Amino acid sequence: MTRIDKIQAMLQDDPSDSFLRYTLAMEYRKLDDSEKSIDLLTVLAYHDEPKYVAAFFMAAQQLVEMERIEEARAFLRDGIEEARSQKNDHAAAEMSELLSEIGK
């Protein structure tokens, strides 16, 4: 049984577990399936309540690696706003740094 299989089995018990879904997205990233990873992160970032702040940053990083800079910027801007609304200054700072690296 792969790590992905194990995570998916755990998600059957609690499909709304944001941390497990984030972990699943990171496993897909390790397997170089960035599209699947970004799809999962998009749901966490934009459709979960509360929004999963780390998903914005991880999706943006992958998009930068794929040279999809405009999409990365959108994730970062939205992520910074969400991090600030959740009073997560550390995440906002990390995303701001990446945004300045790739240009606003």
PDB file of N, CA and C in Angstrom:
ATOM      1  N   MET A   1       0.852  -1.183   0.000  1.00  0.00           N
ATOM      2  CA  MET A   1       0.000   0.000   0.000  1.00  0.00           C
ATOM      3  C   MET A   1       0.896   1.244   0.000  1.00  0.00           C
ATOM      4  N   THR A   2       0.656   2.139  -0.945  1.00  0.00           N
ATOM      5  CA  THR A   2       1.455   3.362  -1.042  1.00  0.00           C
ATOM      6  C   THR A   2       1.006   4.374   0.013  1.00  0.00           C
ATOM      7  N   ARG A   3       1.816   5.381   0.169  1.00  0.00           N
ATOM      8  CA  ARG A   3       1.450   6.467   1.096  1.00  0.00           C
ATOM      9  C   ARG A   3       0.148   7.137   0.642  1.00  0.00           C
ATOM     10  N   ILE A   4      -0.010   7.324  -0.657  1.00  0.00           N
ATOM     11  CA  ILE A   4      -1.250   7.916  -1.180  1.00  0.00           C
ATOM     12  C   ILE A   4      -2.439   7.030  -0.834  1.00  0.00           C
ATOM     13  N   ASP A   5      -2.285   5.719  -0.994  1.00  0.00           N
ATOM     14  CA  ASP A   5      -3.368   4.784  -0.641  1.00  0.00           C
ATOM     15  C   ASP A   5      -3.739   4.906   0.838  1.00  0.00           C
ATOM     16  N   LYS A   6      -2.731   5.027   1.685  1.00  0.00           N
ATOM     17  CA  LYS A   6      -2.979   5.136   3.129  1.00  0.00           C
ATOM     18  C   LYS A   6      -3.726   6.428   3.448  1.00  0.00           C
ATOM     19  N   ILE A   7      -3.304   7.521   2.834  1.00  0.00           N
ATOM     20  CA  ILE A   7      -3.973   8.805   3.086  1.00  0.00           C
ATOM     21  C   ILE A   7      -5.414   8.758   2.588  1.00  0.00           C
ATOM     22  N   GLN A   8      -5.609   8.190   1.399  1.00  0.00           N
ATOM     23  CA  GLN A   8      -6.967   8.086   0.863  1.00  0.00           C
ATOM     24  C   GLN A   8      -7.847   7.209   1.742  1.00  0.00           C
ATOM     25  N   ALA A   9      -7.287   6.165   2.314  1.00  0.00           N
ATOM     26  CA  ALA A   9      -8.048   5.315   3.226  1.00  0.00           C
ATOM     27  C   ALA A   9      -8.464   6.098   4.472  1.00  0.00           C
ATOM     28  N   MET A  10      -7.555   6.902   4.996  1.00  0.00           N
ATOM     29  CA  MET A  10      -7.883   7.733   6.161  1.00  0.00           C
ATOM     30  C   MET A  10      -8.943   8.773   5.800  1.00  0.00           C
ATOM     31  N   LEU A  11      -8.879   9.285   4.585  1.00  0.00           N
ATOM     32  CA  LEU A  11      -9.860  10.286   4.155  1.00  0.00           C
ATOM     33  C   LEU A  11     -11.259   9.698   4.007  1.00  0.00           C
ATOM     34  N   GLN A  12     -11.361   8.392   3.831  1.00  0.00           N
ATOM     35  CA  GLN A  12     -12.680   7.777   3.777  1.00  0.00           C
ATOM     36  C   GLN A  12     -13.405   7.928   5.104  1.00  0.00           C
ATOM     37  N   ASP A  13     -12.640   7.921   6.200  1.00  0.00           N
ATOM     38  CA  ASP A  13     -13.229   8.111   7.531  1.00  0.00           C
ATOM     39  C   ASP A  13     -13.637   9.558   7.762  1.00  0.00           C
ATOM     40  N   ASP A  14     -12.863  10.498   7.226  1.00  0.00           N
ATOM     41  CA  ASP A  14     -13.154  11.926   7.414  1.00  0.00           C
ATOM     42  C   ASP A  14     -12.734  12.696   6.164  1.00  0.00           C
ATOM     43  N   PRO A  15     -13.593  12.719   5.132  1.00  0.00           N
ATOM     44  CA  PRO A  15     -13.230  13.383   3.869  1.00  0.00           C
ATOM     45  C   PRO A  15     -13.003  14.881   4.001  1.00  0.00           C
ATOM     46  N   SER A  16     -13.426  15.479   5.088  1.00  0.00           N
ATOM     47  CA  SER A  16     -13.268  16.925   5.256  1.00  0.00           C
ATOM     48  C   SER A  16     -11.970  17.286   5.982  1.00  0.00           C
ATOM     49  N   ASP A  17     -11.146  16.317   6.328  1.00  0.00           N
ATOM     50  CA  ASP A  17      -9.912  16.572   7.068  1.00  0.00           C
ATOM     51  C   ASP A  17      -8.936  17.362   6.185  1.00  0.00           C
ATOM     52  N   SER A  18      -8.823  18.638   6.458  1.00  0.00           N
ATOM     53  CA  SER A  18      -7.983  19.525   5.643  1.00  0.00           C
ATOM     54  C   SER A  18      -6.522  19.126   5.667  1.00  0.00           C
ATOM     55  N   PHE A  19      -6.022  18.724   6.822  1.00  0.00           N
ATOM     56  CA  PHE A  19      -4.614  18.358   6.916  1.00  0.00           C
ATOM     57  C   PHE A  19      -4.313  17.132   6.062  1.00  0.00           C
ATOM     58  N   LEU A  20      -5.182  16.129   6.107  1.00  0.00           N
ATOM     59  CA  LEU A  20      -4.963  14.936   5.285  1.00  0.00           C
ATOM     60  C   LEU A  20      -5.036  15.269   3.795  1.00  0.00           C
ATOM     61  N   ARG A  21      -5.948  16.136   3.419  1.00  0.00           N
ATOM     62  CA  ARG A  21      -6.074  16.517   2.017  1.00  0.00           C
ATOM     63  C   ARG A  21      -4.848  17.314   1.566  1.00  0.00           C
ATOM     64  N   TYR A  22      -4.320  18.142   2.444  1.00  0.00           N
ATOM     65  CA  TYR A  22      -3.083  18.881   2.159  1.00  0.00           C
ATOM     66  C   TYR A  22      -1.924  17.889   2.016  1.00  0.00           C
ATOM     67  N   THR A  23      -1.845  16.931   2.897  1.00  0.00           N
ATOM     68  CA  THR A  23      -0.798  15.915   2.840  1.00  0.00           C
ATOM     69  C   THR A  23      -0.891  15.124   1.534  1.00  0.00           C
ATOM     70  N   LEU A  24      -2.094  14.819   1.109  1.00  0.00           N
ATOM     71  CA  LEU A  24      -2.292  14.122  -0.153  1.00  0.00           C
ATOM     72  C   LEU A  24      -1.772  14.954  -1.320  1.00  0.00           C
ATOM     73  N   ALA A  25      -2.064  16.235  -1.304  1.00  0.00           N
ATOM     74  CA  ALA A  25      -1.570  17.136  -2.356  1.00  0.00           C
ATOM     75  C   ALA A  25      -0.048  17.143  -2.383  1.00  0.00           C
ATOM     76  N   MET A  26       0.581  17.137  -1.211  1.00  0.00           N
ATOM     77  CA  MET A  26       2.040  17.137  -1.155  1.00  0.00           C
ATOM     78  C   MET A  26       2.617  15.814  -1.665  1.00  0.00           C
ATOM     79  N   GLU A  27       1.910  14.735  -1.449  1.00  0.00           N
ATOM     80  CA  GLU A  27       2.359  13.446  -1.984  1.00  0.00           C
ATOM     81  C   GLU A  27       2.316  13.451  -3.512  1.00  0.00           C
ATOM     82  N   TYR A  28       1.272  14.029  -4.068  1.00  0.00           N
ATOM     83  CA  TYR A  28       1.210  14.130  -5.528  1.00  0.00           C
ATOM     84  C   TYR A  28       2.347  15.014  -6.054  1.00  0.00           C
ATOM     85  N   ARG A  29       2.679  16.033  -5.304  1.00  0.00           N
ATOM     86  CA  ARG A  29       3.801  16.884  -5.716  1.00  0.00           C
ATOM     87  C   ARG A  29       5.095  16.075  -5.760  1.00  0.00           C
ATOM     88  N   LYS A  30       5.319  15.245  -4.751  1.00  0.00           N
ATOM     89  CA  LYS A  30       6.521  14.406  -4.722  1.00  0.00           C
ATOM     90  C   LYS A  30       6.592  13.482  -5.935  1.00  0.00           C
ATOM     91  N   LEU A  31       5.427  13.088  -6.434  1.00  0.00           N
ATOM     92  CA  LEU A  31       5.374  12.194  -7.593  1.00  0.00           C
ATOM     93  C   LEU A  31       5.393  12.962  -8.916  1.00  0.00           C
ATOM     94  N   ASP A  32       5.657  14.263  -8.837  1.00  0.00           N
ATOM     95  CA  ASP A  32       5.683  15.140 -10.016  1.00  0.00           C
ATOM     96  C   ASP A  32       4.346  15.215 -10.728  1.00  0.00           C
ATOM     97  N   ASP A  33       3.265  15.045  -9.976  1.00  0.00           N
ATOM     98  CA  ASP A  33       1.926  15.239 -10.537  1.00  0.00           C
ATOM     99  C   ASP A  33       1.405  16.581 -10.022  1.00  0.00           C
ATOM    100  N   SER A  34       2.026  17.646 -10.523  1.00  0.00           N
ATOM    101  CA  SER A  34       1.695  18.988 -10.046  1.00  0.00           C
ATOM    102  C   SER A  34       0.261  19.370 -10.347  1.00  0.00           C
ATOM    103  N   GLU A  35      -0.269  18.941 -11.465  1.00  0.00           N
ATOM    104  CA  GLU A  35      -1.661  19.293 -11.795  1.00  0.00           C
ATOM    105  C   GLU A  35      -2.618  18.758 -10.742  1.00  0.00           C
ATOM    106  N   LYS A  36      -2.452  17.496 -10.361  1.00  0.00           N
ATOM    107  CA  LYS A  36      -3.314  16.903  -9.333  1.00  0.00           C
ATOM    108  C   LYS A  36      -3.099  17.607  -7.998  1.00  0.00           C
ATOM    109  N   SER A  37      -1.850  17.893  -7.676  1.00  0.00           N
ATOM    110  CA  SER A  37      -1.535  18.583  -6.438  1.00  0.00           C
ATOM    111  C   SER A  37      -2.193  19.963  -6.405  1.00  0.00           C
ATOM    112  N   ILE A  38      -2.045  20.709  -7.483  1.00  0.00           N
ATOM    113  CA  ILE A  38      -2.611  22.058  -7.534  1.00  0.00           C
ATOM    114  C   ILE A  38      -4.136  22.012  -7.471  1.00  0.00           C
ATOM    115  N   ASP A  39      -4.748  21.028  -8.119  1.00  0.00           N
ATOM    116  CA  ASP A  39      -6.209  20.887  -8.034  1.00  0.00           C
ATOM    117  C   ASP A  39      -6.655  20.707  -6.586  1.00  0.00           C
ATOM    118  N   LEU A  40      -5.976  19.834  -5.857  1.00  0.00           N
ATOM    119  CA  LEU A  40      -6.321  19.605  -4.450  1.00  0.00           C
ATOM    120  C   LEU A  40      -6.075  20.853  -3.604  1.00  0.00           C
ATOM    121  N   LEU A  41      -4.971  21.525  -3.859  1.00  0.00           N
ATOM    122  CA  LEU A  41      -4.652  22.738  -3.104  1.00  0.00           C
ATOM    123  C   LEU A  41      -5.634  23.862  -3.396  1.00  0.00           C
ATOM    124  N   THR A  42      -6.116  23.933  -4.623  1.00  0.00           N
ATOM    125  CA  THR A  42      -7.097  24.965  -4.993  1.00  0.00           C
ATOM    126  C   THR A  42      -8.370  24.813  -4.177  1.00  0.00           C
ATOM    127  N   VAL A  43      -8.812  23.575  -4.017  1.00  0.00           N
ATOM    128  CA  VAL A  43     -10.019  23.338  -3.206  1.00  0.00           C
ATOM    129  C   VAL A  43      -9.771  23.774  -1.770  1.00  0.00           C
ATOM    130  N   LEU A  44      -8.617  23.407  -1.229  1.00  0.00           N
ATOM    131  CA  LEU A  44      -8.287  23.798   0.149  1.00  0.00           C
ATOM    132  C   LEU A  44      -8.199  25.315   0.305  1.00  0.00           C
ATOM    133  N   ALA A  45      -7.648  25.973  -0.705  1.00  0.00           N
ATOM    134  CA  ALA A  45      -7.422  27.416  -0.627  1.00  0.00           C
ATOM    135  C   ALA A  45      -8.700  28.220  -0.824  1.00  0.00           C
ATOM    136  N   TYR A  46      -9.525  27.793  -1.740  1.00  0.00           N
ATOM    137  CA  TYR A  46     -10.656  28.634  -2.124  1.00  0.00           C
ATOM    138  C   TYR A  46     -12.028  28.114  -1.701  1.00  0.00           C
ATOM    139  N   HIS A  47     -12.126  26.834  -1.372  1.00  0.00           N
ATOM    140  CA  HIS A  47     -13.452  26.289  -1.115  1.00  0.00           C
ATOM    141  C   HIS A  47     -13.656  25.779   0.305  1.00  0.00           C
ATOM    142  N   ASP A  48     -12.586  25.596   1.051  1.00  0.00           N
ATOM    143  CA  ASP A  48     -12.720  25.160   2.435  1.00  0.00           C
ATOM    144  C   ASP A  48     -13.039  26.355   3.321  1.00  0.00           C
ATOM    145  N   GLU A  49     -13.665  26.093   4.428  1.00  0.00           N
ATOM    146  CA  GLU A  49     -13.866  27.107   5.461  1.00  0.00           C
ATOM    147  C   GLU A  49     -13.424  26.519   6.775  1.00  0.00           C
ATOM    148  N   PRO A  50     -12.462  27.092   7.445  1.00  0.00           N
ATOM    149  CA  PRO A  50     -11.693  28.239   6.969  1.00  0.00           C
ATOM    150  C   PRO A  50     -10.752  27.817   5.834  1.00  0.00           C
ATOM    151  N   LYS A  51     -10.369  28.785   5.059  1.00  0.00           N
ATOM    152  CA  LYS A  51      -9.448  28.519   3.962  1.00  0.00           C
ATOM    153  C   LYS A  51      -8.107  28.045   4.539  1.00  0.00           C
ATOM    154  N   TYR A  52      -7.469  27.118   3.840  1.00  0.00           N
ATOM    155  CA  TYR A  52      -6.226  26.525   4.304  1.00  0.00           C
ATOM    156  C   TYR A  52      -5.067  27.338   3.751  1.00  0.00           C
ATOM    157  N   VAL A  53      -4.512  28.200   4.577  1.00  0.00           N
ATOM    158  CA  VAL A  53      -3.535  29.201   4.138  1.00  0.00           C
ATOM    159  C   VAL A  53      -2.314  28.582   3.467  1.00  0.00           C
ATOM    160  N   ALA A  54      -1.798  27.509   4.003  1.00  0.00           N
ATOM    161  CA  ALA A  54      -0.595  26.898   3.424  1.00  0.00           C
ATOM    162  C   ALA A  54      -0.830  26.441   1.986  1.00  0.00           C
ATOM    163  N   ALA A  55      -2.065  26.143   1.640  1.00  0.00           N
ATOM    164  CA  ALA A  55      -2.379  25.681   0.279  1.00  0.00           C
ATOM    165  C   ALA A  55      -2.094  26.766  -0.759  1.00  0.00           C
ATOM    166  N   PHE A  56      -2.331  28.018  -0.404  1.00  0.00           N
ATOM    167  CA  PHE A  56      -2.041  29.111  -1.329  1.00  0.00           C
ATOM    168  C   PHE A  56      -0.550  29.139  -1.681  1.00  0.00           C
ATOM    169  N   PHE A  57       0.280  29.043  -0.642  1.00  0.00           N
ATOM    170  CA  PHE A  57       1.725  29.128  -0.827  1.00  0.00           C
ATOM    171  C   PHE A  57       2.260  27.935  -1.609  1.00  0.00           C
ATOM    172  N   MET A  58       1.820  26.726  -1.262  1.00  0.00           N
ATOM    173  CA  MET A  58       2.317  25.534  -1.939  1.00  0.00           C
ATOM    174  C   MET A  58       1.875  25.500  -3.401  1.00  0.00           C
ATOM    175  N   ALA A  59       0.655  25.915  -3.676  1.00  0.00           N
ATOM    176  CA  ALA A  59       0.196  25.973  -5.061  1.00  0.00           C
ATOM    177  C   ALA A  59       1.020  26.990  -5.840  1.00  0.00           C
ATOM    178  N   ALA A  60       1.265  28.136  -5.231  1.00  0.00           N
ATOM    179  CA  ALA A  60       2.047  29.178  -5.901  1.00  0.00           C
ATOM    180  C   ALA A  60       3.461  28.695  -6.202  1.00  0.00           C
ATOM    181  N   GLN A  61       4.081  28.013  -5.269  1.00  0.00           N
ATOM    182  CA  GLN A  61       5.431  27.495  -5.502  1.00  0.00           C
ATOM    183  C   GLN A  61       5.462  26.558  -6.707  1.00  0.00           C
ATOM    184  N   GLN A  62       4.494  25.677  -6.783  1.00  0.00           N
ATOM    185  CA  GLN A  62       4.457  24.744  -7.902  1.00  0.00           C
ATOM    186  C   GLN A  62       4.201  25.466  -9.223  1.00  0.00           C
ATOM    187  N   LEU A  63       3.324  26.453  -9.179  1.00  0.00           N
ATOM    188  CA  LEU A  63       3.036  27.222 -10.389  1.00  0.00           C
ATOM    189  C   LEU A  63       4.274  27.973 -10.872  1.00  0.00           C
ATOM    190  N   VAL A  64       5.055  28.491  -9.952  1.00  0.00           N
ATOM    191  CA  VAL A  64       6.307  29.154 -10.331  1.00  0.00           C
ATOM    192  C   VAL A  64       7.235  28.147 -11.002  1.00  0.00           C
ATOM    193  N   GLU A  65       7.360  26.956 -10.419  1.00  0.00           N
ATOM    194  CA  GLU A  65       8.203  25.915 -11.010  1.00  0.00           C
ATOM    195  C   GLU A  65       7.747  25.566 -12.431  1.00  0.00           C
ATOM    196  N   MET A  66       6.440  25.673 -12.675  1.00  0.00           N
ATOM    197  CA  MET A  66       5.873  25.353 -13.984  1.00  0.00           C
ATOM    198  C   MET A  66       5.862  26.574 -14.914  1.00  0.00           C
ATOM    199  N   GLU A  67       6.426  27.678 -14.409  1.00  0.00           N
ATOM    200  CA  GLU A  67       6.495  28.942 -15.144  1.00  0.00           C
ATOM    201  C   GLU A  67       5.120  29.511 -15.468  1.00  0.00           C
ATOM    202  N   ARG A  68       4.172  29.275 -14.585  1.00  0.00           N
ATOM    203  CA  ARG A  68       2.822  29.841 -14.697  1.00  0.00           C
ATOM    204  C   ARG A  68       2.727  30.987 -13.685  1.00  0.00           C
ATOM    205  N   ILE A  69       3.477  32.032 -13.984  1.00  0.00           N
ATOM    206  CA  ILE A  69       3.729  33.111 -13.037  1.00  0.00           C
ATOM    207  C   ILE A  69       2.465  33.903 -12.695  1.00  0.00           C
ATOM    208  N   GLU A  70       1.642  34.220 -13.673  1.00  0.00           N
ATOM    209  CA  GLU A  70       0.424  34.998 -13.380  1.00  0.00           C
ATOM    210  C   GLU A  70      -0.494  34.249 -12.426  1.00  0.00           C
ATOM    211  N   GLU A  71      -0.632  32.945 -12.625  1.00  0.00           N
ATOM    212  CA  GLU A  71      -1.458  32.143 -11.717  1.00  0.00           C
ATOM    213  C   GLU A  71      -0.835  32.120 -10.321  1.00  0.00           C
ATOM    214  N   ALA A  72       0.475  32.009 -10.268  1.00  0.00           N
ATOM    215  CA  ALA A  72       1.163  32.016  -8.971  1.00  0.00           C
ATOM    216  C   ALA A  72       0.916  33.331  -8.249  1.00  0.00           C
ATOM    217  N   ARG A  73       1.017  34.435  -8.983  1.00  0.00           N
ATOM    218  CA  ARG A  73       0.781  35.745  -8.361  1.00  0.00           C
ATOM    219  C   ARG A  73      -0.627  35.834  -7.779  1.00  0.00           C
ATOM    220  N   ALA A  74      -1.610  35.310  -8.497  1.00  0.00           N
ATOM    221  CA  ALA A  74      -2.995  35.357  -8.008  1.00  0.00           C
ATOM    222  C   ALA A  74      -3.125  34.562  -6.707  1.00  0.00           C
ATOM    223  N   PHE A  75      -2.531  33.358  -6.662  1.00  0.00           N
ATOM    224  CA  PHE A  75      -2.567  32.568  -5.429  1.00  0.00           C
ATOM    225  C   PHE A  75      -1.891  33.321  -4.291  1.00  0.00           C
ATOM    226  N   LEU A  76      -0.767  33.945  -4.578  1.00  0.00           N
ATOM    227  CA  LEU A  76      -0.034  34.654  -3.531  1.00  0.00           C
ATOM    228  C   LEU A  76      -0.805  35.859  -3.011  1.00  0.00           C
ATOM    229  N   ARG A  77      -1.360  36.643  -3.911  1.00  0.00           N
ATOM    230  CA  ARG A  77      -2.134  37.820  -3.462  1.00  0.00           C
ATOM    231  C   ARG A  77      -3.317  37.390  -2.597  1.00  0.00           C
ATOM    232  N   ASP A  78      -4.050  36.385  -3.085  1.00  0.00           N
ATOM    233  CA  ASP A  78      -5.205  35.905  -2.318  1.00  0.00           C
ATOM    234  C   ASP A  78      -4.755  35.279  -1.005  1.00  0.00           C
ATOM    235  N   GLY A  79      -3.632  34.557  -1.046  1.00  0.00           N
ATOM    236  CA  GLY A  79      -3.119  33.916   0.158  1.00  0.00           C
ATOM    237  C   GLY A  79      -2.651  34.915   1.208  1.00  0.00           C
ATOM    238  N   ILE A  80      -2.020  35.972   0.762  1.00  0.00           N
ATOM    239  CA  ILE A  80      -1.584  37.012   1.694  1.00  0.00           C
ATOM    240  C   ILE A  80      -2.790  37.639   2.389  1.00  0.00           C
ATOM    241  N   GLU A  81      -3.797  37.937   1.611  1.00  0.00           N
ATOM    242  CA  GLU A  81      -5.020  38.521   2.179  1.00  0.00           C
ATOM    243  C   GLU A  81      -5.663  37.566   3.185  1.00  0.00           C
ATOM    244  N   GLU A  82      -5.747  36.290   2.820  1.00  0.00           N
ATOM    245  CA  GLU A  82      -6.347  35.314   3.730  1.00  0.00           C
ATOM    246  C   GLU A  82      -5.494  35.122   4.978  1.00  0.00           C
ATOM    247  N   ALA A  83      -4.184  35.038   4.817  1.00  0.00           N
ATOM    248  CA  ALA A  83      -3.300  34.876   5.978  1.00  0.00           C
ATOM    249  C   ALA A  83      -3.457  36.048   6.943  1.00  0.00           C
ATOM    250  N   ARG A  84      -3.531  37.250   6.403  1.00  0.00           N
ATOM    251  CA  ARG A  84      -3.717  38.423   7.264  1.00  0.00           C
ATOM    252  C   ARG A  84      -5.060  38.365   7.980  1.00  0.00           C
ATOM    253  N   SER A  85      -6.100  37.926   7.273  1.00  0.00           N
ATOM    254  CA  SER A  85      -7.424  37.855   7.912  1.00  0.00           C
ATOM    255  C   SER A  85      -7.441  36.809   9.017  1.00  0.00           C
ATOM    256  N   GLN A  86      -6.581  35.791   8.894  1.00  0.00           N
ATOM    257  CA  GLN A  86      -6.472  34.766   9.935  1.00  0.00           C
ATOM    258  C   GLN A  86      -5.385  35.089  10.954  1.00  0.00           C
ATOM    259  N   LYS A  87      -4.806  36.279  10.814  1.00  0.00           N
ATOM    260  CA  LYS A  87      -3.744  36.752  11.714  1.00  0.00           C
ATOM    261  C   LYS A  87      -2.517  35.827  11.684  1.00  0.00           C
ATOM    262  N   ASN A  88      -2.220  35.316  10.506  1.00  0.00           N
ATOM    263  CA  ASN A  88      -1.060  34.442  10.311  1.00  0.00           C
ATOM    264  C   ASN A  88       0.030  35.258   9.611  1.00  0.00           C
ATOM    265  N   ASP A  89       0.717  36.063  10.412  1.00  0.00           N
ATOM    266  CA  ASP A  89       1.726  36.970   9.871  1.00  0.00           C
ATOM    267  C   ASP A  89       2.897  36.232   9.228  1.00  0.00           C
ATOM    268  N   HIS A  90       3.265  35.100   9.782  1.00  0.00           N
ATOM    269  CA  HIS A  90       4.383  34.339   9.227  1.00  0.00           C
ATOM    270  C   HIS A  90       4.076  33.894   7.791  1.00  0.00           C
ATOM    271  N   ALA A  91       2.906  33.320   7.578  1.00  0.00           N
ATOM    272  CA  ALA A  91       2.526  32.869   6.231  1.00  0.00           C
ATOM    273  C   ALA A  91       2.412  34.052   5.280  1.00  0.00           C
ATOM    274  N   ALA A  92       1.837  35.144   5.746  1.00  0.00           N
ATOM    275  CA  ALA A  92       1.726  36.342   4.903  1.00  0.00           C
ATOM    276  C   ALA A  92       3.098  36.840   4.487  1.00  0.00           C
ATOM    277  N   ALA A  93       4.053  36.806   5.406  1.00  0.00           N
ATOM    278  CA  ALA A  93       5.410  37.268   5.097  1.00  0.00           C
ATOM    279  C   ALA A  93       6.092  36.349   4.091  1.00  0.00           C
ATOM    280  N   GLU A  94       5.938  35.044   4.261  1.00  0.00           N
ATOM    281  CA  GLU A  94       6.540  34.100   3.310  1.00  0.00           C
ATOM    282  C   GLU A  94       5.983  34.305   1.906  1.00  0.00           C
ATOM    283  N   MET A  95       4.675  34.473   1.818  1.00  0.00           N
ATOM    284  CA  MET A  95       4.052  34.663   0.510  1.00  0.00           C
ATOM    285  C   MET A  95       4.431  36.012  -0.083  1.00  0.00           C
ATOM    286  N   SER A  96       4.539  37.024   0.748  1.00  0.00           N
ATOM    287  CA  SER A  96       4.965  38.345   0.263  1.00  0.00           C
ATOM    288  C   SER A  96       6.377  38.289  -0.297  1.00  0.00           C
ATOM    289  N   GLU A  97       7.229  37.525   0.368  1.00  0.00           N
ATOM    290  CA  GLU A  97       8.617  37.383  -0.101  1.00  0.00           C
ATOM    291  C   GLU A  97       8.656  36.702  -1.475  1.00  0.00           C
ATOM    292  N   LEU A  98       7.888  35.628  -1.642  1.00  0.00           N
ATOM    293  CA  LEU A  98       7.858  34.938  -2.925  1.00  0.00           C
ATOM    294  C   LEU A  98       7.266  35.858  -4.002  1.00  0.00           C
ATOM    295  N   LEU A  99       6.233  36.591  -3.658  1.00  0.00           N
ATOM    296  CA  LEU A  99       5.613  37.509  -4.613  1.00  0.00           C
ATOM    297  C   LEU A  99       6.618  38.556  -5.071  1.00  0.00           C
ATOM    298  N   SER A 100       7.417  39.070  -4.147  1.00  0.00           N
ATOM    299  CA  SER A 100       8.415  40.074  -4.565  1.00  0.00           C
ATOM    300  C   SER A 100       9.518  39.444  -5.405  1.00  0.00           C
ATOM    301  N   GLU A 101       9.848  38.184  -5.144  1.00  0.00           N
ATOM    302  CA  GLU A 101      10.867  37.490  -5.939  1.00  0.00           C
ATOM    303  C   GLU A 101      10.435  37.306  -7.391  1.00  0.00           C
ATOM    304  N   ILE A 102       9.146  37.017  -7.591  1.00  0.00           N
ATOM    305  CA  ILE A 102       8.676  36.760  -8.956  1.00  0.00           C
ATOM    306  C   ILE A 102       8.139  38.030  -9.617  1.00  0.00           C
ATOM    307  N   GLY A 103       8.081  39.113  -8.845  1.00  0.00           N
ATOM    308  CA  GLY A 103       7.601  40.395  -9.379  1.00  0.00           C
ATOM    309  C   GLY A 103       6.100  40.511  -9.250  1.00  0.00           C
ATOM    310  N   LYS A 104       5.690  41.678  -8.826  1.00  0.00           N
ATOM    311  CA  LYS A 104       4.260  41.902  -8.603  1.00  0.00           C
ATOM    312  C   LYS A 104       3.577  42.170  -9.914  1.00  0.00           C
TER     313      LYS A 104
END
